[in-house]
Each structure stands twice: as C-alpha cells, then as structure tokens.
C-alpha cells in the first residue's frame, strides 16, 4: 500500500458528504490539510461532483483549486481554457420521454446543462431546490423553474434527475432502467440520476487523467455515494467515507470516518504521511 500512496499526484474528491460535512460546511481541519497538501508540490486537489456547475465552481474558487474538475457527474470544466468538455448529451427525444415519464408519476425533473439546472416540479420540490446553498450561508443563482425541460434545454442536457422530496423512488428507478436502456440510472436519496450509458464520474476521471498526462494509478479518489462507485474503481486508490453504502465501501481501498468527523482531512493526512518530502 505504501508504494501506491507514493505514486499519488492528484486527489479527486466528491463534495457533499465528503469534502463538505452533512451540514454543507468545511470541517475545521479541512482547509489546513488542503494547504499542507498544496505545499507538497507533487500532489494537488480537485473535485468530482454531481453538483451543477454554478454550485460547484464557487467552492472550487473558494478553496483556490486550479486543476480541471468534474461536475454534474460526468462533464469537465478546464479552468485554464474556461471551457466545458463533454460530448455526451441526452438527445431531445429522450428528454421528452423522460419528462412525460416524470409527469405521469407526479415526480419532479431537473435537467443539468453546462450552465444551470432547469427544474420542472411542484412548489414544494422547487422550494427545496431554490434554497440550496453552495456552502452553508452562501447562495448563488443556480436553477431556473420551467414549464418544459424539453423545450428550454433542447440538445444541451448532460444529465437528468428525476426528483422528489417526499415520494419513494425505488419503483420509478426500476421502471426507468427498464424503459430507457440508453441511460445509466443511479438512485440517490431524493433523486434518480440519469446519464448516457458509459458516462459517469469514472469515465470523466479517465478524461481528466488524459488531459493532465496522469496515469489512473497516480490518482486517489474520495467519495461517499453510489454515484462515486466508478470514480473509486478507476482511481489508483479509492477512499470511502464511513457513511457510504456498503457497496461503495466494498470497492474502496481505505475507509475513513464521516465528513462530520473529519474523515476527508484524515484521508489527506494519510496521503501526506506517505508522500516523499
């Protein structure tokens, strides 16, 4: 394991429940350990998140990160060129069909584009989306309520989320997986994330590595949810939070305490121990 840690040149971390606490804040130890990592010029930090671009970019800037990062679970933003890199969009006909699927079941729908989130949902669900902060106490204009995702988004959708604050989604997840084989579905706590088959945090990590002339075994990935599965599987070292589902912990090389207990800082401190001075 020591040899694997010594190879690491980049840490790629999920945000919610990993880099940030459950309360959407930085643990008191986090910024100090990020600064310590930055001093080790062999290694840098970036993020891989399911968040949309407007909710991820402010945190990246706040932490002073300069590397490309993954957002919306599969797109990449190159901070040097200010360009979004993705050629995997959900076609308009599929968006239309998913919109009908969600409406028929009285479920909300969120479309991630390269710029924002387009939301088709009832008042209660919209209220929850609208109050999302990029970090505790800080909001940004990240979402737009629409009457039709299909009409507004056109061919620019990179991910769809079937969303409900209070309805169970297990049956809908089974149905959508069967009905739309061209999409990959991951059921989260309040949503079903839909991306084109083959598009996930793992496929984006491969592109990220290629962009930076890194090998996958030079990357350590940290996550806490099922949408981090491919990310951890592709990375040279996979770290799961203690609060992660068992399926994710089963593929991890290292398990650290929860984000609320400083698990993210623990992961970086473990890496710092093995990085040569």
Protein backbone atom coordinates (compact mmCIF):
# COMPACT_ATOMS: atom_id res chain seq x y z
CA UNK A 1 0.00 0.00 0.00
CA UNK A 2 2.90 2.36 0.72
CA UNK A 3 4.09 2.11 -2.89
CA UNK A 4 0.61 3.00 -4.15
CA UNK A 5 0.38 6.08 -1.93
CA UNK A 6 3.82 7.29 -3.02
CA UNK A 7 2.64 7.37 -6.66
CA UNK A 8 -0.30 9.71 -6.00
CA UNK A 9 -0.10 13.09 -7.75
CA UNK A 10 -3.74 14.15 -7.58
CA UNK A 11 -6.64 13.77 -5.17
CA UNK A 12 -10.12 13.84 -6.72
CA UNK A 13 -12.87 14.27 -4.15
CA UNK A 14 -16.63 14.27 -4.12
CA UNK A 15 -18.11 17.35 -2.42
CA UNK A 16 -21.33 16.65 -0.50
CA UNK A 17 -20.85 14.35 2.46
CA UNK A 18 -17.14 14.06 1.63
CA UNK A 19 -15.23 17.32 1.29
CA UNK A 20 -18.12 19.15 2.95
CA UNK A 21 -19.97 17.99 6.05
CA UNK A 22 -23.61 16.91 6.07
CA UNK A 23 -24.39 20.47 7.12
CA UNK A 24 -22.74 21.78 3.92
CA UNK A 25 -19.75 23.28 5.74
CA UNK A 26 -16.00 22.75 5.84
CA UNK A 27 -14.77 20.71 8.78
CA UNK A 28 -12.39 22.81 10.94
CA UNK A 29 -9.38 20.68 9.86
CA UNK A 30 -10.10 20.69 6.14
CA UNK A 31 -8.57 23.94 4.92
CA UNK A 32 -5.39 23.41 6.93
CA UNK A 33 -4.80 19.98 5.44
CA UNK A 34 -5.53 21.29 1.92
CA UNK A 35 -2.86 23.94 2.47
CA UNK A 36 -0.44 21.24 3.67
CA UNK A 37 -1.18 19.21 0.54
CA UNK A 38 -0.58 22.26 -1.65
CA UNK A 39 2.90 22.68 -0.13
CA UNK A 40 3.71 19.17 -1.33
CA UNK A 41 4.09 20.24 -4.94
CA UNK A 42 3.94 16.63 -6.09
CA UNK A 43 0.18 16.49 -5.42
CA UNK A 44 -2.89 18.69 -5.95
CA UNK A 45 -6.59 18.54 -5.18
CA UNK A 46 -9.62 18.78 -7.42
CA UNK A 47 -13.27 17.71 -7.22
CA UNK A 48 -15.64 15.31 -8.92
CA UNK A 49 -19.21 16.15 -8.03
CA UNK A 50 -22.80 15.54 -9.04
CA UNK A 51 -23.46 19.22 -8.40
CA UNK A 52 -24.21 21.51 -11.33
CA UNK A 53 -21.56 23.97 -12.49
CA UNK A 54 -22.99 27.01 -10.61
CA UNK A 55 -22.98 25.05 -7.33
CA UNK A 56 -19.51 23.54 -7.73
CA UNK A 57 -17.44 26.36 -9.23
CA UNK A 58 -17.81 28.78 -6.25
CA UNK A 59 -16.42 26.14 -3.87
CA UNK A 60 -13.54 25.35 -6.22
CA UNK A 61 -12.66 29.05 -6.32
CA UNK A 62 -13.11 29.43 -2.55
CA UNK A 63 -10.59 26.64 -1.94
CA UNK A 64 -8.15 28.05 -4.50
CA UNK A 65 -8.10 24.90 -6.65
CA UNK A 66 -6.67 25.32 -10.15
CA UNK A 67 -6.95 21.90 -11.82
CA UNK A 68 -9.82 20.88 -14.11
CA UNK A 69 -12.81 19.50 -12.21
CA UNK A 70 -15.77 17.20 -12.85
CA UNK A 71 -19.32 18.48 -12.39
CA UNK A 72 -22.83 17.11 -12.97
CA UNK A 73 -21.37 13.62 -12.63
CA UNK A 74 -19.58 13.50 -15.98
CA UNK A 75 -18.70 16.88 -17.53
CA UNK A 76 -15.30 18.56 -17.07
CA UNK A 77 -14.50 22.24 -16.66
CA UNK A 78 -10.99 23.22 -17.73
CA UNK A 79 -10.03 26.22 -15.61
CA UNK A 80 -7.16 27.20 -17.91
CA UNK A 81 -9.23 27.49 -21.09
CA UNK A 82 -12.53 28.29 -19.33
CA UNK A 83 -14.15 25.56 -21.44
CA UNK A 84 -16.63 22.81 -20.61
CA UNK A 85 -15.52 19.49 -22.05
CA UNK A 86 -18.23 16.98 -22.83
CA UNK A 87 -19.65 15.46 -25.99
CA UNK A 88 -22.16 13.23 -24.22
CA UNK A 89 -25.59 14.85 -24.31
CA UNK A 90 -29.02 13.28 -23.82
CA UNK A 91 -30.94 13.65 -27.07
CA UNK A 92 -34.10 15.78 -27.17
CA UNK A 93 -36.40 12.82 -27.85
CA UNK A 94 -35.17 11.01 -24.74
CA UNK A 95 -35.52 14.20 -22.68
CA UNK A 96 -39.11 14.49 -23.91
CA UNK A 97 -39.85 10.87 -22.98
CA UNK A 98 -38.31 11.22 -19.50
CA UNK A 99 -40.30 14.40 -18.96
CA UNK A 100 -43.50 12.51 -19.77
CA UNK A 101 -42.38 9.63 -17.50
CA UNK A 102 -41.84 12.01 -14.57
CA UNK A 103 -45.06 13.99 -15.11
CA UNK A 104 -47.11 10.80 -15.32
CA UNK A 105 -45.85 9.82 -11.85
CA UNK A 106 -46.11 13.34 -10.42
CA UNK A 107 -42.35 13.48 -9.92
CA UNK A 108 -40.08 16.45 -10.47
CA UNK A 109 -37.46 16.66 -13.20
CA UNK A 110 -34.15 18.52 -13.19
CA UNK A 111 -32.05 18.94 -16.33
CA UNK A 112 -28.36 19.72 -15.93
CA UNK A 113 -26.95 21.80 -18.77
CA UNK A 114 -23.41 23.13 -18.95
CA UNK A 115 -24.65 26.38 -17.38
CA UNK A 116 -27.51 25.72 -14.95
CA UNK A 117 -30.29 23.44 -13.71
CA UNK A 118 -33.71 23.58 -15.38
CA UNK A 119 -36.43 22.46 -12.99
CA UNK A 120 -39.91 21.14 -13.75
CA UNK A 121 -41.61 20.38 -10.43
CA UNK A 122 -44.27 21.31 -7.91
CA UNK A 123 -44.00 24.20 -5.46
CA UNK A 124 -42.75 22.08 -2.56
CA UNK A 125 -39.90 20.48 -4.53
CA UNK A 126 -38.97 23.80 -6.15
CA UNK A 127 -38.72 25.41 -2.72
CA UNK A 128 -36.13 22.79 -1.73
CA UNK A 129 -34.11 23.25 -4.93
CA UNK A 130 -34.24 27.05 -4.72
CA UNK A 131 -32.86 27.12 -1.17
CA UNK A 132 -29.73 25.08 -1.97
CA UNK A 133 -26.51 26.82 -0.95
CA UNK A 134 -23.07 26.17 -2.47
CA UNK A 135 -21.73 26.27 1.08
CA UNK A 136 -23.52 26.95 4.36
CA UNK A 137 -24.81 30.54 4.36
CA UNK A 138 -23.91 31.28 0.71
CA UNK A 139 -26.29 31.10 -2.26
CA UNK A 140 -25.81 31.56 -5.98
CA UNK A 141 -28.27 31.72 -8.88
CA UNK A 142 -28.09 28.07 -9.89
CA UNK A 143 -31.54 26.96 -11.08
CA UNK A 144 -34.43 28.07 -13.26
CA UNK A 145 -38.02 26.85 -12.98
CA UNK A 146 -39.51 25.97 -16.37
CA UNK A 147 -42.78 24.65 -17.80
CA UNK A 148 -40.95 22.27 -20.14
CA UNK A 149 -37.41 20.99 -19.77
CA UNK A 150 -37.51 19.63 -23.32
CA UNK A 151 -38.45 22.98 -24.86
CA UNK A 152 -35.99 25.05 -22.84
CA UNK A 153 -32.95 22.75 -22.92
CA UNK A 154 -33.04 21.43 -26.47
CA UNK A 155 -29.95 19.27 -27.11
CA UNK A 156 -27.87 20.69 -24.23
CA UNK A 157 -28.80 18.25 -21.43
CA UNK A 158 -25.87 16.42 -19.86
CA UNK A 159 -27.84 14.81 -17.02
CA UNK A 160 -31.45 14.37 -15.92
CA UNK A 161 -32.56 13.92 -12.32
CA UNK A 162 -35.99 12.53 -11.51
CA UNK A 163 -36.60 14.28 -8.20
CA UNK A 164 -38.92 14.08 -5.23
CA UNK A 165 -38.50 15.46 -1.75
CA UNK A 166 -41.03 13.05 -0.18
CA UNK A 167 -42.08 10.30 -2.63
CA UNK A 168 -40.24 6.94 -2.67
CA UNK A 169 -38.30 6.41 -5.91
CA UNK A 170 -37.44 2.70 -5.91
CA UNK A 171 -40.27 1.68 -8.25
CA UNK A 172 -39.55 4.59 -10.61
CA UNK A 173 -35.87 3.61 -10.66
CA UNK A 174 -36.70 0.04 -11.71
CA UNK A 175 -39.11 1.28 -14.37
CA UNK A 176 -36.83 3.91 -15.85
CA UNK A 177 -33.92 1.44 -16.01
CA UNK A 178 -36.08 -1.00 -17.97
CA UNK A 179 -37.73 1.59 -20.21
CA UNK A 180 -34.61 3.60 -21.12
CA UNK A 181 -31.67 1.22 -21.70
CA UNK A 182 -29.72 4.04 -23.38
CA UNK A 183 -29.42 5.72 -19.96
CA UNK A 184 -27.49 4.79 -16.83
CA UNK A 185 -29.54 5.26 -13.65
CA UNK A 186 -28.23 5.74 -10.11
CA UNK A 187 -30.76 6.05 -7.30
CA UNK A 188 -29.78 8.62 -4.69
CA UNK A 189 -31.67 9.69 -1.55
CA UNK A 190 -34.06 12.12 -3.24
CA UNK A 191 -33.38 11.59 -6.93
CA UNK A 192 -32.59 9.22 -9.76
CA UNK A 193 -29.58 10.45 -11.71
CA UNK A 194 -29.70 9.67 -15.45
CA UNK A 195 -26.73 9.96 -17.80
CA UNK A 196 -25.94 8.39 -21.18
CA UNK A 197 -24.67 4.83 -20.79
CA UNK A 198 -20.93 4.92 -20.19
CA UNK A 199 -20.95 8.45 -18.76
CA UNK A 200 -20.18 8.71 -15.05
CA UNK A 201 -17.55 10.03 -12.68
CA UNK A 202 -15.26 7.15 -13.68
CA UNK A 203 -15.35 7.91 -17.41
CA UNK A 204 -14.79 11.59 -16.62
CA UNK A 205 -11.82 10.65 -14.42
CA UNK A 206 -10.20 8.87 -17.37
CA UNK A 207 -10.57 12.03 -19.45
CA UNK A 208 -9.29 14.16 -16.57
CA UNK A 209 -6.19 11.98 -16.27
CA UNK A 210 -5.55 12.14 -20.02
CA UNK A 211 -5.85 15.95 -20.03
CA UNK A 212 -3.19 16.23 -17.33
CA UNK A 213 -0.89 13.48 -18.57
CA UNK A 214 -1.56 11.44 -15.44
CA UNK A 215 -1.99 7.70 -15.06
CA UNK A 216 -5.03 6.50 -13.15
CA UNK A 217 -2.79 4.86 -10.55
CA UNK A 218 -1.47 8.36 -9.76
CA UNK A 219 -4.92 9.48 -8.60
CA UNK A 220 -6.61 8.99 -5.21
CA UNK A 221 -10.40 9.37 -5.24
CA UNK A 222 -12.65 10.02 -2.24
CA UNK A 223 -16.44 9.60 -2.14
CA UNK A 224 -19.49 8.67 -0.10
CA UNK A 225 -22.33 7.77 -2.50
CA UNK A 226 -23.24 5.21 -5.14
CA UNK A 227 -22.53 7.75 -7.89
CA UNK A 228 -18.89 7.62 -6.71
CA UNK A 229 -18.60 3.90 -7.48
CA UNK A 230 -16.96 4.22 -10.91
CA UNK A 231 -14.74 7.03 -9.59
CA UNK A 232 -13.27 4.85 -6.85
CA UNK A 233 -12.99 1.83 -9.16
CA UNK A 234 -10.94 3.73 -11.74
CA UNK A 235 -8.61 5.52 -9.32
CA UNK A 236 -5.32 4.09 -8.11
CA UNK A 237 -6.54 4.39 -4.52
CA UNK A 238 -10.23 4.60 -3.61
CA UNK A 239 -11.32 6.08 -0.29
CA UNK A 240 -14.88 5.74 1.04
CA UNK A 241 -16.43 7.62 3.93
CA UNK A 242 -17.76 5.52 6.82
CA UNK A 243 -21.28 6.77 5.97
CA UNK A 244 -21.07 5.37 2.42
CA UNK A 245 -23.30 2.48 1.30
CA UNK A 246 -21.76 -0.95 1.79
CA UNK A 247 -21.45 -1.43 -1.99
CA UNK A 248 -19.12 1.57 -2.19
CA UNK A 249 -17.12 0.55 0.87
CA UNK A 250 -16.66 -2.89 -0.70
CA UNK A 251 -14.70 -1.40 -3.64
CA UNK A 252 -12.69 1.07 -1.52
CA UNK A 253 -9.09 0.54 -0.51
CA UNK A 254 -9.43 2.75 2.56
CA UNK A 255 -12.41 3.69 4.74
CA UNK A 256 -12.27 6.89 6.80
CA UNK A 257 -14.69 8.40 9.35
CA UNK A 258 -17.66 10.51 8.24
CA UNK A 259 -17.21 14.01 6.83
CA UNK A 260 -18.65 15.40 10.08
CA UNK A 261 -15.89 13.60 11.99
CA UNK A 262 -13.11 14.96 9.76
CA UNK A 263 -12.80 11.89 7.52
CA UNK A 264 -11.77 13.96 4.49
CA UNK A 265 -8.91 15.51 6.46
CA UNK A 266 -7.95 12.03 7.72
CA UNK A 267 -7.69 10.79 4.12
CA UNK A 268 -5.41 13.66 3.10
CA UNK A 269 -3.28 13.31 6.23
CA UNK A 270 -2.81 9.62 5.44
CA UNK A 271 -1.65 10.55 1.95
CA UNK A 272 0.67 13.27 3.30
CA UNK A 273 2.31 10.72 5.58
CA UNK A 274 3.44 8.68 2.57
CA UNK A 275 4.31 11.48 0.10
CA UNK A 276 8.09 11.97 -0.02
CA UNK A 277 9.32 15.28 1.40
